[in-house]
Amino acid sequence: MRADGTPRYRASAYVCGALGAADPEALRRLVAASPSPLVEVVSTADVRLSATHRLRAWGEGEPTGGHLWNALAEPGTAVDSAAAAANGWMAAGLTREPGAATLHTDGLGLAEVYTRRVGDAVYFATRIDPLTRIVDAPLTQDEDAWASLLALGAPVGGATPFEEIRRLGPAESLTVRADGHVRRTTGEPDWLATDGHAPEPGEVVELLRAAIPTGDDLSVTLSGGWDSRLLAVLAVGESRDRLQAWTTDADTGSDLDLRLAQPVAHALGAEHTVVRPGPRAWARHAPAARRRMQFQSWMHTWLMPLAGRLHGSRRTVLDGLAGDVLLKSLFVDRVILDAPDPAAALWHRLGGWRLDRGSLLAPGTAVEMAARSRDDVRALVAPYAGHPAAAALSVLATRTSRVVAASPVLLFGPEVPVSVPFVDPRVLAAGLRVPVDQKLGGEFYRRVLATAAPAGVTGLPSTNDVATPRAPRRRRQVHPAAIARLSREVGADPDVVRRLGEPLRARIDEPAALRRLVAGRAAPLAVLQWAALMAQWRSDYRDVLVA
């Protein structure tokens, strides 16, 4: 990782290019802005594709063919279509056929593909920044995206901080025809099928085991929860060398992860490393973390020290992304399932509550932002209505794909290989077929763990055990150095300050008073960190943003 947070593309590919009648100067700028050296993969009159790595090709010599990149699954089957690449391999890609070319992402939208239309061409890249300066035209702040950034922790669907730059959402593709017509479509992944039996815990265990890479030196980010514990149990027998487990302080104000992970690692015989960031770590890493995540979340700064250590290990990292949503229906209960407006109820639980305190923002702002973000969530999850696992799918498409996935995909991923077994299509299909009533309260997940884990691990406490005592710890993000940084960053941009409500605005130049307001209060701290994210973004892009 570079000092400013920019990734080094060692394990996964950076990809960019254009579809349609691309302008040579815009293409030159796009390639020049690449974070790593590129090799040209495709160069025709209407398709340009360049990448840092060799891309998997399919249909070579046939009228229809393409390339895929950054696959999150390896089903062991050949790629013969864009659907196979997106749904079987969980990969992004580009498909060429007579008279048209199509970009696609995977069924959950985890593989990043950003697009910007200029004239008769669509330019694309796997990072936002290279698309911002391909032409000398101003860009606009996307207020919908910034509303969801505060409410949920990230934009949703196709939104990015810029109106003119879009991200392909879950199962979405973009086609450019030879006549210049551009069309966006959303498919239906095979793993959404509702036919088939509800799997037993043993079947889920074996599907997960099959999704873990074999023959690699493996490491796992081990917390006190069930997802990483289950993966660690299964990985012990698959790692070429002794399994490495890594644990860090999540900066929640509790030492729970640190205390609960150690006995698990010991019982499994894994080599265990605990990364303990210093008290000023949040303040030191925040600017680089924001750039690393392309200003699309303010939540993952605490992981930066761990990410740096993982990059140095060069091992394949196992991450439990989506496990709790898939097998425990995290965030979903009878209140959500029985709500007259499930999408709105889920939006509130996923973070919309941060906008309940309107006084933290300028008058009328919270109500407007809530409406923007809630409507975007409703539109995104509407296609899942009627599916037996609609609520879990809604969480996967919003919080999992845009907020949580940032840690394995953007913080760990480009430098080292990352494996996310819970989003293997076969695991997804099985997990979504488990009746929701079996998942509520963790009943089904406990049976899965009991099936997979040795006796010495099954009985160990986890963060899911409400009786587990929690020892308080000082939070790095409210250390005086962190609050002083937030105060300086937000205070330097009057337009951002004007978005704040009186309690924050009156204290923005007084770090001590600001710290007293936000310490121990989730909503004020979230608003302050969101405002600092916006201020740094506006500073970094002041030369391209509409004045």
Protein backbone atom coordinates (compact mmCIF):
# COMPACT_ATOMS: atom_id res chain seq x y z
CA MET A 1 0.00 0.00 0.00
CA ARG A 2 1.33 3.42 -0.93
CA ALA A 3 1.54 6.14 1.71
CA ASP A 4 -1.53 7.94 0.31
CA GLY A 5 -3.58 4.71 0.43
CA THR A 6 -3.47 3.95 -3.31
CA PRO A 7 -3.45 0.16 -3.88
CA ARG A 8 -0.59 -1.78 -5.40
CA TYR A 9 -2.20 -4.26 -7.79
CA ARG A 10 -0.21 -7.40 -7.01
CA ALA A 11 -2.88 -10.07 -6.62
CA SER A 12 -5.95 -8.65 -8.35
CA ALA A 13 -6.21 -6.71 -11.59
CA TYR A 14 -6.80 -3.06 -12.25
CA VAL A 15 -8.75 -2.78 -15.50
CA CYS A 16 -9.84 0.15 -17.64
CA GLY A 17 -10.92 0.94 -21.18
CA ALA A 18 -13.74 2.28 -23.33
CA LEU A 19 -16.71 1.09 -25.38
CA GLY A 20 -17.88 2.99 -28.44
CA ALA A 21 -16.26 5.86 -30.33
CA ALA A 22 -13.64 6.78 -27.74
CA ASP A 23 -11.69 10.01 -27.91
CA PRO A 24 -7.92 9.29 -28.16
CA GLU A 25 -7.02 12.04 -25.69
CA ALA A 26 -9.56 10.79 -23.14
CA LEU A 27 -8.15 7.28 -23.51
CA ARG A 28 -4.62 8.58 -23.07
CA ARG A 29 -5.60 10.35 -19.86
CA LEU A 30 -7.40 7.27 -18.58
CA VAL A 31 -4.38 5.05 -19.11
CA ALA A 32 -1.98 7.65 -17.71
CA ALA A 33 -4.01 7.84 -14.49
CA SER A 34 -3.69 4.10 -13.89
CA PRO A 35 -2.27 3.25 -10.44
CA SER A 36 -0.05 0.57 -12.02
CA PRO A 37 1.48 -0.15 -15.47
CA LEU A 38 -0.99 -1.56 -18.01
CA VAL A 39 -0.93 -4.05 -20.86
CA GLU A 40 -3.36 -3.62 -23.76
CA VAL A 41 -5.71 -6.60 -23.93
CA VAL A 42 -8.20 -5.58 -26.64
CA SER A 43 -7.89 -2.77 -29.17
CA THR A 44 -10.54 -2.44 -31.88
CA ALA A 45 -12.42 0.48 -33.36
CA ASP A 46 -15.10 0.33 -30.66
CA VAL A 47 -13.56 -1.64 -27.77
CA ARG A 48 -10.48 -0.79 -25.71
CA LEU A 49 -9.44 -2.92 -22.74
CA SER A 50 -6.22 -2.67 -20.72
CA ALA A 51 -5.19 -4.37 -17.48
CA THR A 52 -2.36 -4.81 -15.02
CA HIS A 53 -2.63 -8.61 -15.23
CA ARG A 54 -3.35 -11.22 -17.84
CA LEU A 55 -7.12 -11.69 -17.98
CA ARG A 56 -8.98 -14.95 -18.41
CA ALA A 57 -10.37 -15.11 -21.97
CA TRP A 58 -13.28 -17.14 -23.29
CA GLY A 59 -14.78 -17.70 -26.75
CA GLU A 60 -11.51 -16.86 -28.53
CA GLY A 61 -11.97 -17.04 -32.28
CA GLU A 62 -15.76 -17.19 -31.92
CA PRO A 63 -18.24 -14.43 -32.89
CA THR A 64 -19.03 -13.97 -29.20
CA GLY A 65 -16.30 -13.96 -26.59
CA GLY A 66 -14.84 -11.94 -23.80
CA HIS A 67 -12.61 -11.54 -20.77
CA LEU A 68 -13.25 -11.72 -17.04
CA TRP A 69 -11.30 -10.46 -14.06
CA ASN A 70 -11.10 -10.57 -10.26
CA ALA A 71 -13.25 -13.68 -9.86
CA LEU A 72 -14.42 -14.38 -6.32
CA ALA A 73 -15.24 -18.05 -7.01
CA GLU A 74 -13.79 -20.92 -9.01
CA PRO A 75 -16.58 -23.33 -9.92
CA GLY A 76 -14.30 -25.62 -11.93
CA THR A 77 -16.38 -25.16 -15.07
CA ALA A 78 -15.49 -23.46 -18.33
CA VAL A 79 -16.62 -19.91 -19.05
CA ASP A 80 -18.78 -19.84 -22.15
CA SER A 81 -20.92 -16.74 -21.57
CA ALA A 82 -21.13 -13.50 -19.63
CA ALA A 83 -23.72 -15.15 -17.37
CA ALA A 84 -21.28 -17.94 -16.50
CA ALA A 85 -18.58 -15.39 -15.69
CA ALA A 86 -20.91 -13.25 -13.55
CA ASN A 87 -22.89 -15.97 -11.79
CA GLY A 88 -20.53 -18.95 -11.69
CA TRP A 89 -17.21 -17.19 -11.23
CA MET A 90 -18.61 -14.11 -9.44
CA ALA A 91 -16.45 -11.99 -11.74
CA ALA A 92 -16.59 -8.75 -13.66
CA GLY A 93 -15.92 -8.85 -17.36
CA LEU A 94 -16.35 -7.58 -20.89
CA THR A 95 -18.19 -9.45 -23.65
CA ARG A 96 -17.84 -8.76 -27.37
CA GLU A 97 -20.42 -9.84 -29.93
CA PRO A 98 -21.25 -8.67 -33.45
CA GLY A 99 -22.42 -5.07 -33.24
CA ALA A 100 -22.16 -4.64 -29.47
CA ALA A 101 -19.96 -4.90 -26.38
CA THR A 102 -21.11 -5.40 -22.79
CA LEU A 103 -19.57 -4.72 -19.38
CA HIS A 104 -20.84 -6.71 -16.41
CA THR A 105 -20.20 -7.26 -12.72
CA ASP A 106 -21.16 -10.22 -10.52
CA GLY A 107 -24.54 -11.03 -9.03
CA LEU A 108 -23.83 -9.09 -5.82
CA GLY A 109 -21.95 -6.22 -7.44
CA LEU A 110 -18.82 -6.94 -5.38
CA ALA A 111 -16.46 -6.70 -8.37
CA GLU A 112 -16.09 -2.98 -8.94
CA VAL A 113 -16.79 -1.55 -12.39
CA TYR A 114 -17.18 2.24 -12.67
CA THR A 115 -18.38 3.96 -15.84
CA ARG A 116 -18.49 7.48 -17.23
CA ARG A 117 -20.25 8.39 -20.48
CA VAL A 118 -18.66 11.14 -22.53
CA GLY A 119 -19.97 11.81 -26.03
CA ASP A 120 -20.54 8.55 -27.91
CA ALA A 121 -18.30 6.45 -25.68
CA VAL A 122 -18.50 4.86 -22.23
CA TYR A 123 -15.20 4.83 -20.36
CA PHE A 124 -14.73 2.36 -17.53
CA ALA A 125 -12.28 1.46 -14.78
CA THR A 126 -12.09 -0.57 -11.59
CA ARG A 127 -11.34 2.61 -9.62
CA ILE A 128 -13.12 5.95 -9.66
CA ASP A 129 -10.20 8.38 -9.65
CA PRO A 130 -8.84 7.64 -13.17
CA LEU A 131 -12.26 8.53 -14.63
CA THR A 132 -12.43 11.96 -13.01
CA ARG A 133 -10.05 13.80 -15.34
CA ILE A 134 -10.41 12.12 -18.73
CA VAL A 135 -12.01 15.29 -20.12
CA ASP A 136 -12.05 18.93 -19.06
CA ALA A 137 -15.66 18.91 -17.89
CA PRO A 138 -16.80 19.59 -14.32
CA LEU A 139 -18.23 16.85 -12.12
CA THR A 140 -21.17 17.16 -9.73
CA GLN A 141 -21.56 16.03 -6.15
CA ASP A 142 -24.17 13.26 -5.99
CA GLU A 143 -26.42 14.20 -3.07
CA ASP A 144 -28.18 10.82 -3.12
CA ALA A 145 -24.85 9.06 -2.69
CA TRP A 146 -23.80 11.33 0.16
CA ALA A 147 -27.14 10.80 1.89
CA SER A 148 -26.61 7.03 1.90
CA LEU A 149 -22.97 7.50 2.87
CA LEU A 150 -24.18 8.95 6.16
CA ALA A 151 -27.25 6.78 6.66
CA LEU A 152 -25.79 3.41 5.65
CA GLY A 153 -22.04 3.94 5.53
CA ALA A 154 -21.76 3.80 1.71
CA PRO A 155 -23.70 4.69 -1.44
CA VAL A 156 -26.13 2.07 -2.73
CA GLY A 157 -26.77 0.61 -6.15
CA GLY A 158 -24.96 2.47 -8.90
CA ALA A 159 -24.26 5.65 -6.95
CA THR A 160 -20.80 7.11 -6.34
CA PRO A 161 -19.79 10.46 -4.84
CA PHE A 162 -19.94 11.89 -8.41
CA GLU A 163 -23.20 12.11 -10.39
CA GLU A 164 -21.43 11.50 -13.69
CA ILE A 165 -19.58 8.35 -12.58
CA ARG A 166 -21.71 5.26 -11.97
CA ARG A 167 -20.95 1.84 -10.55
CA LEU A 168 -22.48 -1.33 -11.95
CA GLY A 169 -24.84 -2.64 -9.29
CA PRO A 170 -25.74 -6.23 -8.38
CA ALA A 171 -26.18 -8.38 -11.52
CA GLU A 172 -26.05 -5.26 -13.68
CA SER A 173 -24.56 -4.97 -17.16
CA LEU A 174 -24.04 -2.10 -19.60
CA THR A 175 -24.19 -2.63 -23.36
CA VAL A 176 -22.95 -0.22 -26.03
CA ARG A 177 -24.12 -0.97 -29.57
CA ALA A 178 -22.31 -0.02 -32.74
CA ASP A 179 -24.86 2.76 -33.36
CA GLY A 180 -23.94 4.34 -30.00
CA HIS A 181 -27.05 3.22 -28.12
CA VAL A 182 -26.32 2.49 -24.44
CA ARG A 183 -28.48 0.16 -22.38
CA ARG A 184 -28.29 -0.94 -18.74
CA THR A 185 -29.93 -4.22 -17.72
CA THR A 186 -30.18 -6.23 -14.52
CA GLY A 187 -30.11 -10.01 -14.67
CA GLU A 188 -31.18 -12.73 -12.26
CA PRO A 189 -28.35 -14.92 -10.96
CA ASP A 190 -28.87 -18.68 -10.98
CA TRP A 191 -28.33 -18.83 -7.21
CA LEU A 192 -31.59 -16.90 -6.68
CA ALA A 193 -33.58 -19.96 -7.79
CA THR A 194 -36.07 -21.04 -5.14
CA ASP A 195 -36.42 -24.66 -6.25
CA GLY A 196 -34.41 -27.37 -4.56
CA HIS A 197 -34.37 -28.67 -1.00
CA ALA A 198 -33.42 -26.78 2.12
CA PRO A 199 -29.90 -27.97 2.96
CA GLU A 200 -28.85 -29.61 6.20
CA PRO A 201 -25.96 -28.09 8.19
CA GLY A 202 -23.57 -30.79 6.97
CA GLU A 203 -24.25 -29.89 3.34
CA VAL A 204 -23.44 -26.22 4.02
CA VAL A 205 -20.22 -27.23 5.75
CA GLU A 206 -19.07 -29.30 2.77
CA LEU A 207 -19.95 -26.54 0.30
CA LEU A 208 -17.93 -24.07 2.34
CA ARG A 209 -15.03 -26.49 2.60
CA ALA A 210 -15.03 -26.87 -1.19
CA ALA A 211 -14.95 -23.07 -1.60
CA ILE A 212 -11.74 -22.68 0.42
CA PRO A 213 -8.57 -22.62 -1.74
CA THR A 214 -6.41 -25.72 -1.49
CA GLY A 215 -2.65 -25.80 -1.82
CA ASP A 216 -2.21 -22.17 -0.67
CA ASP A 217 -0.67 -20.78 2.47
CA LEU A 218 -3.77 -19.47 4.20
CA SER A 219 -4.46 -16.81 6.80
CA VAL A 220 -7.79 -15.83 8.33
CA THR A 221 -8.95 -12.57 9.88
CA LEU A 222 -10.18 -14.06 13.16
CA SER A 223 -12.63 -12.04 15.24
CA GLY A 224 -14.79 -13.19 18.11
CA GLY A 225 -17.70 -14.01 15.79
CA TRP A 226 -18.90 -17.13 14.02
CA ASP A 227 -18.00 -16.40 10.39
CA SER A 228 -14.24 -16.25 10.81
CA ARG A 229 -14.36 -19.08 13.37
CA LEU A 230 -16.11 -21.40 10.93
CA LEU A 231 -13.65 -20.57 8.15
CA ALA A 232 -10.70 -21.11 10.50
CA VAL A 233 -12.04 -24.54 11.47
CA LEU A 234 -12.34 -25.56 7.83
CA ALA A 235 -9.07 -23.97 6.72
CA VAL A 236 -6.86 -25.82 9.20
CA GLY A 237 -6.93 -28.90 7.00
CA GLU A 238 -6.60 -26.99 3.71
CA SER A 239 -3.67 -24.63 4.32
CA ARG A 240 -0.38 -25.80 2.82
CA ASP A 241 1.52 -24.37 5.78
CA ARG A 242 0.29 -23.84 9.33
CA LEU A 243 -2.80 -21.64 9.33
CA GLN A 244 -2.17 -18.05 10.38
CA ALA A 245 -4.88 -16.21 12.31
CA TRP A 246 -4.90 -12.42 12.61
CA THR A 247 -6.91 -10.43 15.13
CA THR A 248 -7.12 -6.70 15.73
CA ASP A 249 -8.99 -4.33 17.99
CA ALA A 250 -12.15 -3.23 16.14
CA ASP A 251 -12.19 0.10 18.02
CA THR A 252 -15.69 -0.48 19.35
CA GLY A 253 -14.77 0.36 22.92
CA SER A 254 -14.55 -3.32 23.92
CA ASP A 255 -11.75 -5.91 23.96
CA LEU A 256 -14.17 -8.72 23.10
CA ASP A 257 -12.63 -9.79 19.77
CA LEU A 258 -9.15 -9.90 21.29
CA ARG A 259 -10.26 -12.06 24.22
CA LEU A 260 -12.48 -14.44 22.27
CA ALA A 261 -10.23 -15.10 19.26
CA GLN A 262 -7.17 -16.30 21.18
CA PRO A 263 -8.70 -19.51 22.63
CA VAL A 264 -10.06 -20.43 19.19
CA ALA A 265 -6.67 -20.03 17.52
CA HIS A 266 -5.03 -22.04 20.31
CA ALA A 267 -7.58 -24.86 20.07
CA LEU A 268 -7.05 -25.10 16.32
CA GLY A 269 -3.26 -24.98 16.53
CA ALA A 270 -3.13 -21.86 14.36
CA GLU A 271 -0.34 -19.32 14.55
CA HIS A 272 -2.02 -16.29 16.11
CA THR A 273 -0.95 -12.67 15.68
CA VAL A 274 -2.70 -9.81 17.44
CA VAL A 275 -2.32 -6.38 15.83
CA ARG A 276 -2.67 -3.66 18.47
CA PRO A 277 -2.82 -0.18 16.88
CA GLY A 278 -1.51 2.70 18.97
CA PRO A 279 -3.86 5.34 20.42
CA ARG A 280 -3.12 7.79 17.56
CA ALA A 281 -3.54 5.18 14.80
CA TRP A 282 -6.99 6.36 13.70
CA ALA A 283 -5.83 9.96 13.29
CA ARG A 284 -2.74 8.83 11.38
CA HIS A 285 -4.50 6.45 8.98
CA ALA A 286 -7.79 8.28 8.29
CA PRO A 287 -6.76 10.29 5.17
CA ALA A 288 -5.19 7.27 3.46
CA ALA A 289 -8.12 5.03 4.40
CA ARG A 290 -10.60 7.42 2.78
CA ARG A 291 -8.62 7.53 -0.46
CA ARG A 292 -8.12 3.78 -0.37
CA MET A 293 -11.90 3.30 -0.22
CA GLN A 294 -12.43 5.98 -2.87
CA PHE A 295 -14.37 8.14 -0.43
CA GLN A 296 -17.18 5.60 -0.37
CA SER A 297 -17.13 4.82 3.34
CA TRP A 298 -15.97 6.34 6.61
CA MET A 299 -16.14 3.10 8.58
CA HIS A 300 -12.98 1.03 8.03
CA THR A 301 -10.07 3.14 9.24
CA TRP A 302 -9.56 0.77 12.18
CA LEU A 303 -8.53 -1.99 9.74
CA MET A 304 -5.65 -0.13 8.11
CA PRO A 305 -2.89 -1.39 10.47
CA LEU A 306 -4.08 -4.99 9.98
CA ALA A 307 -4.24 -4.51 6.20
CA GLY A 308 -0.62 -3.38 6.14
CA ARG A 309 0.49 -6.49 8.03
CA LEU A 310 -1.52 -8.78 5.74
CA HIS A 311 0.05 -7.20 2.67
CA GLY A 312 3.46 -8.08 4.05
CA SER A 313 2.51 -11.72 4.66
CA ARG A 314 1.64 -12.37 0.98
CA ARG A 315 -0.69 -15.24 2.01
CA THR A 316 -4.21 -15.86 0.75
CA VAL A 317 -6.58 -14.16 3.20
CA LEU A 318 -9.85 -15.85 4.14
CA ASP A 319 -12.62 -13.39 5.00
CA GLY A 320 -16.07 -14.20 6.38
CA LEU A 321 -17.91 -11.66 4.21
CA ALA A 322 -21.69 -12.31 4.14
CA GLY A 323 -21.66 -15.34 6.45
CA ASP A 324 -23.78 -13.82 9.21
CA VAL A 325 -26.32 -12.47 6.71
CA LEU A 326 -26.57 -15.76 4.84
CA LEU A 327 -26.70 -18.21 7.74
CA LYS A 328 -28.00 -16.09 10.63
CA SER A 329 -30.09 -13.46 8.81
CA LEU A 330 -28.18 -10.63 10.49
CA PHE A 331 -30.34 -7.48 10.86
CA VAL A 332 -33.49 -9.47 10.05
CA ASP A 333 -36.09 -10.49 12.61
CA ARG A 334 -39.87 -10.75 12.84
CA VAL A 335 -40.18 -6.97 13.22
CA ILE A 336 -38.56 -6.50 9.81
CA LEU A 337 -40.33 -9.44 8.19
CA ASP A 338 -43.78 -8.33 9.40
CA ALA A 339 -43.32 -4.59 8.80
CA PRO A 340 -45.83 -2.94 6.42
CA ASP A 341 -42.83 -1.42 4.57
CA PRO A 342 -39.97 -3.93 5.03
CA ALA A 343 -37.54 -1.95 2.87
CA ALA A 344 -38.01 1.21 4.96
CA ALA A 345 -37.76 -0.75 8.22
CA LEU A 346 -34.58 -2.44 7.05
CA TRP A 347 -33.12 0.88 5.87
CA HIS A 348 -33.64 2.30 9.35
CA ARG A 349 -32.02 -0.69 11.05
CA LEU A 350 -29.02 -0.69 8.69
CA GLY A 351 -28.19 2.87 9.70
CA GLY A 352 -31.04 5.16 8.76
CA TRP A 353 -31.43 5.83 12.50
CA ARG A 354 -28.40 8.12 12.20
CA LEU A 355 -30.73 10.65 10.60
CA ASP A 356 -33.30 10.51 13.42
CA ARG A 357 -31.57 13.35 15.26
CA GLY A 358 -32.27 16.17 12.84
CA SER A 359 -30.50 18.70 15.05
CA LEU A 360 -27.12 17.25 14.04
CA LEU A 361 -27.64 18.59 10.52
CA ALA A 362 -28.82 21.92 9.12
CA PRO A 363 -32.59 22.47 9.34
CA GLY A 364 -34.49 20.22 6.95
CA THR A 365 -31.35 18.41 5.82
CA ALA A 366 -31.89 15.16 7.74
CA VAL A 367 -35.44 14.73 6.43
CA GLU A 368 -34.33 15.32 2.85
CA MET A 369 -31.34 12.98 3.16
CA ALA A 370 -33.47 10.26 4.74
CA ALA A 371 -35.95 10.43 1.86
CA ARG A 372 -33.17 10.25 -0.75
CA SER A 373 -31.42 7.28 0.83
CA ARG A 374 -34.60 5.37 1.71
CA ASP A 375 -35.95 5.74 -1.84
CA ASP A 376 -32.66 4.48 -3.30
CA VAL A 377 -32.78 1.41 -1.06
CA ARG A 378 -36.42 0.74 -2.02
CA ALA A 379 -35.55 0.86 -5.72
CA LEU A 380 -32.52 -1.40 -5.32
CA VAL A 381 -34.26 -4.16 -3.37
CA ALA A 382 -37.59 -4.07 -5.25
CA PRO A 383 -36.59 -6.96 -7.57
CA TYR A 384 -36.26 -9.27 -4.55
CA ALA A 385 -39.89 -8.78 -3.47
CA GLY A 386 -41.64 -12.15 -3.21
CA HIS A 387 -38.42 -14.14 -2.82
CA PRO A 388 -38.44 -16.25 0.38
CA ALA A 389 -35.09 -14.69 1.34
CA ALA A 390 -35.97 -11.15 0.23
CA ALA A 391 -34.82 -9.53 3.48
CA ALA A 392 -31.43 -11.28 3.48
CA LEU A 393 -30.95 -10.44 -0.20
CA SER A 394 -31.71 -6.81 0.57
CA VAL A 395 -28.98 -6.75 3.22
CA LEU A 396 -26.53 -8.46 0.85
CA ALA A 397 -27.25 -5.96 -1.94
CA THR A 398 -26.89 -2.89 0.29
CA ARG A 399 -24.75 -3.22 3.42
CA THR A 400 -22.73 -6.29 2.42
CA SER A 401 -21.83 -5.32 -1.14
CA ARG A 402 -21.11 -1.64 -0.55
CA VAL A 403 -20.16 -1.24 3.14
CA VAL A 404 -18.71 -4.49 4.51
CA ALA A 405 -17.09 -5.72 1.28
CA ALA A 406 -14.81 -2.70 1.30
CA SER A 407 -12.56 -4.38 3.87
CA PRO A 408 -11.65 -7.56 1.93
CA VAL A 409 -11.97 -6.06 -1.57
CA LEU A 410 -10.46 -2.60 -1.11
CA LEU A 411 -8.27 -2.88 2.00
CA PHE A 412 -6.83 -6.40 1.73
CA GLY A 413 -7.50 -7.37 -1.87
CA PRO A 414 -5.33 -5.72 -4.45
CA GLU A 415 -2.06 -6.58 -2.69
CA VAL A 416 -2.79 -10.18 -1.60
CA PRO A 417 -5.24 -12.87 -2.77
CA VAL A 418 -8.54 -12.78 -0.89
CA SER A 419 -11.01 -15.65 -0.64
CA VAL A 420 -14.61 -15.06 0.45
CA PRO A 421 -16.14 -18.56 0.63
CA PHE A 422 -19.59 -17.47 1.80
CA VAL A 423 -20.22 -15.71 -1.54
CA ASP A 424 -19.36 -18.76 -3.60
CA PRO A 425 -22.52 -19.24 -5.74
CA ARG A 426 -23.10 -22.76 -4.42
CA VAL A 427 -22.91 -21.54 -0.83
CA LEU A 428 -25.16 -18.58 -1.63
CA ALA A 429 -27.76 -20.83 -3.25
CA ALA A 430 -27.77 -23.21 -0.30
CA GLY A 431 -27.87 -20.50 2.34
CA LEU A 432 -30.75 -18.67 0.68
CA ARG A 433 -32.80 -21.89 0.64
CA VAL A 434 -32.61 -22.31 4.42
CA PRO A 435 -35.98 -21.13 5.80
CA VAL A 436 -35.63 -17.80 7.56
CA ASP A 437 -37.36 -19.05 10.71
CA GLN A 438 -34.54 -21.58 11.18
CA LYS A 439 -31.94 -18.80 11.02
CA LEU A 440 -33.49 -16.32 13.44
CA GLY A 441 -31.69 -16.31 16.76
CA GLY A 442 -28.75 -18.20 15.30
CA GLU A 443 -30.30 -21.69 15.60
CA PHE A 444 -29.20 -22.93 12.16
CA TYR A 445 -25.73 -21.37 12.43
CA ARG A 446 -25.12 -23.11 15.76
CA ARG A 447 -25.91 -26.43 14.11
CA VAL A 448 -23.49 -25.64 11.28
CA LEU A 449 -20.72 -24.85 13.78
CA ALA A 450 -21.46 -27.97 15.81
CA THR A 451 -21.18 -30.05 12.65
CA ALA A 452 -17.90 -28.51 11.52
CA ALA A 453 -15.97 -27.70 14.68
CA PRO A 454 -14.08 -30.04 17.01
CA ALA A 455 -15.39 -30.36 20.53
CA GLY A 456 -12.68 -28.06 21.88
CA VAL A 457 -13.96 -25.19 19.74
CA THR A 458 -17.73 -25.69 19.77
CA GLY A 459 -18.15 -24.67 23.40
CA LEU A 460 -15.96 -21.56 23.28
CA PRO A 461 -17.87 -18.27 23.78
CA SER A 462 -18.35 -15.83 20.90
CA THR A 463 -19.68 -12.34 20.32
CA ASN A 464 -23.06 -13.99 19.71
CA ASP A 465 -23.29 -14.99 23.37
CA VAL A 466 -25.04 -12.08 25.05
CA ALA A 467 -23.75 -13.09 28.49
CA THR A 468 -20.12 -12.63 27.43
CA PRO A 469 -18.65 -9.83 29.62
CA ARG A 470 -17.21 -6.85 27.77
CA ALA A 471 -14.22 -4.95 29.20
CA PRO A 472 -14.22 -1.27 28.16
CA ARG A 473 -11.35 0.14 26.09
CA ARG A 474 -10.50 3.66 24.93
CA ARG A 475 -11.60 4.22 21.34
CA ARG A 476 -8.93 5.48 18.94
CA GLN A 477 -11.46 7.39 16.87
CA VAL A 478 -12.30 9.66 19.82
CA HIS A 479 -8.70 10.14 20.93
CA PRO A 480 -7.87 13.87 21.17
CA ALA A 481 -5.63 13.53 18.08
CA ALA A 482 -8.50 12.04 16.07
CA ILE A 483 -11.00 14.72 17.12
CA ALA A 484 -8.44 17.45 16.44
CA ARG A 485 -8.00 16.09 12.90
CA LEU A 486 -11.75 15.96 12.32
CA SER A 487 -12.10 19.50 13.64
CA ARG A 488 -9.42 20.83 11.26
CA GLU A 489 -10.72 18.96 8.23
CA VAL A 490 -14.35 19.94 8.58
CA GLY A 491 -13.61 23.47 9.76
CA ALA A 492 -11.50 24.14 6.65
CA ASP A 493 -14.55 23.82 4.35
CA PRO A 494 -17.32 26.38 5.07
CA ASP A 495 -19.71 24.61 2.69
CA VAL A 496 -19.43 21.39 4.70
CA VAL A 497 -19.80 23.28 7.99
CA ARG A 498 -23.05 24.80 6.71
CA ARG A 499 -24.49 21.29 6.36
CA LEU A 500 -24.11 20.66 10.09
CA GLY A 501 -26.61 21.41 12.83
CA GLU A 502 -25.96 23.88 15.62
CA PRO A 503 -24.54 21.38 18.20
CA LEU A 504 -21.70 20.40 15.86
CA ARG A 505 -21.32 23.70 14.03
CA ALA A 506 -20.88 25.67 17.27
CA ARG A 507 -18.09 23.37 18.45
CA ILE A 508 -16.28 22.63 15.18
CA ASP A 509 -13.35 24.93 16.06
CA GLU A 510 -13.16 23.69 19.66
CA PRO A 511 -11.80 20.11 19.66
CA ALA A 512 -12.21 19.63 23.42
CA ALA A 513 -15.88 20.63 23.33
CA LEU A 514 -16.39 18.61 20.15
CA ARG A 515 -14.91 15.54 21.84
CA ARG A 516 -17.27 15.88 24.79
CA LEU A 517 -20.21 15.97 22.38
CA VAL A 518 -19.30 12.93 20.26
CA ALA A 519 -17.56 10.61 22.74
CA GLY A 520 -19.90 7.73 23.52
CA ARG A 521 -22.57 8.97 21.09
CA ALA A 522 -22.83 7.06 17.82
CA ALA A 523 -24.86 9.50 15.72
CA PRO A 524 -22.86 12.71 16.39
CA LEU A 525 -19.56 10.88 15.76
CA ALA A 526 -20.92 9.39 12.52
CA VAL A 527 -22.03 12.81 11.26
CA LEU A 528 -18.64 14.30 12.12
CA GLN A 529 -16.70 11.53 10.35
CA TRP A 530 -19.03 11.76 7.33
CA ALA A 531 -18.46 15.52 7.18
CA ALA A 532 -14.67 15.02 7.33
CA LEU A 533 -14.91 12.47 4.52
CA MET A 534 -16.79 15.00 2.38
CA ALA A 535 -14.33 17.78 3.22
CA GLN A 536 -11.30 15.73 2.19
CA TRP A 537 -13.06 14.55 -0.98
CA ARG A 538 -13.93 18.12 -1.92
CA SER A 539 -10.34 19.16 -1.28
CA ASP A 540 -8.86 16.33 -3.36
CA TYR A 541 -11.21 17.04 -6.28
CA ARG A 542 -11.62 20.81 -6.06
CA ASP A 543 -10.15 21.14 -9.58
CA VAL A 544 -12.87 18.99 -11.18
CA LEU A 545 -15.97 19.67 -9.07
CA VAL A 546 -18.63 22.17 -10.07
CA ALA A 547 -17.90 25.37 -8.16
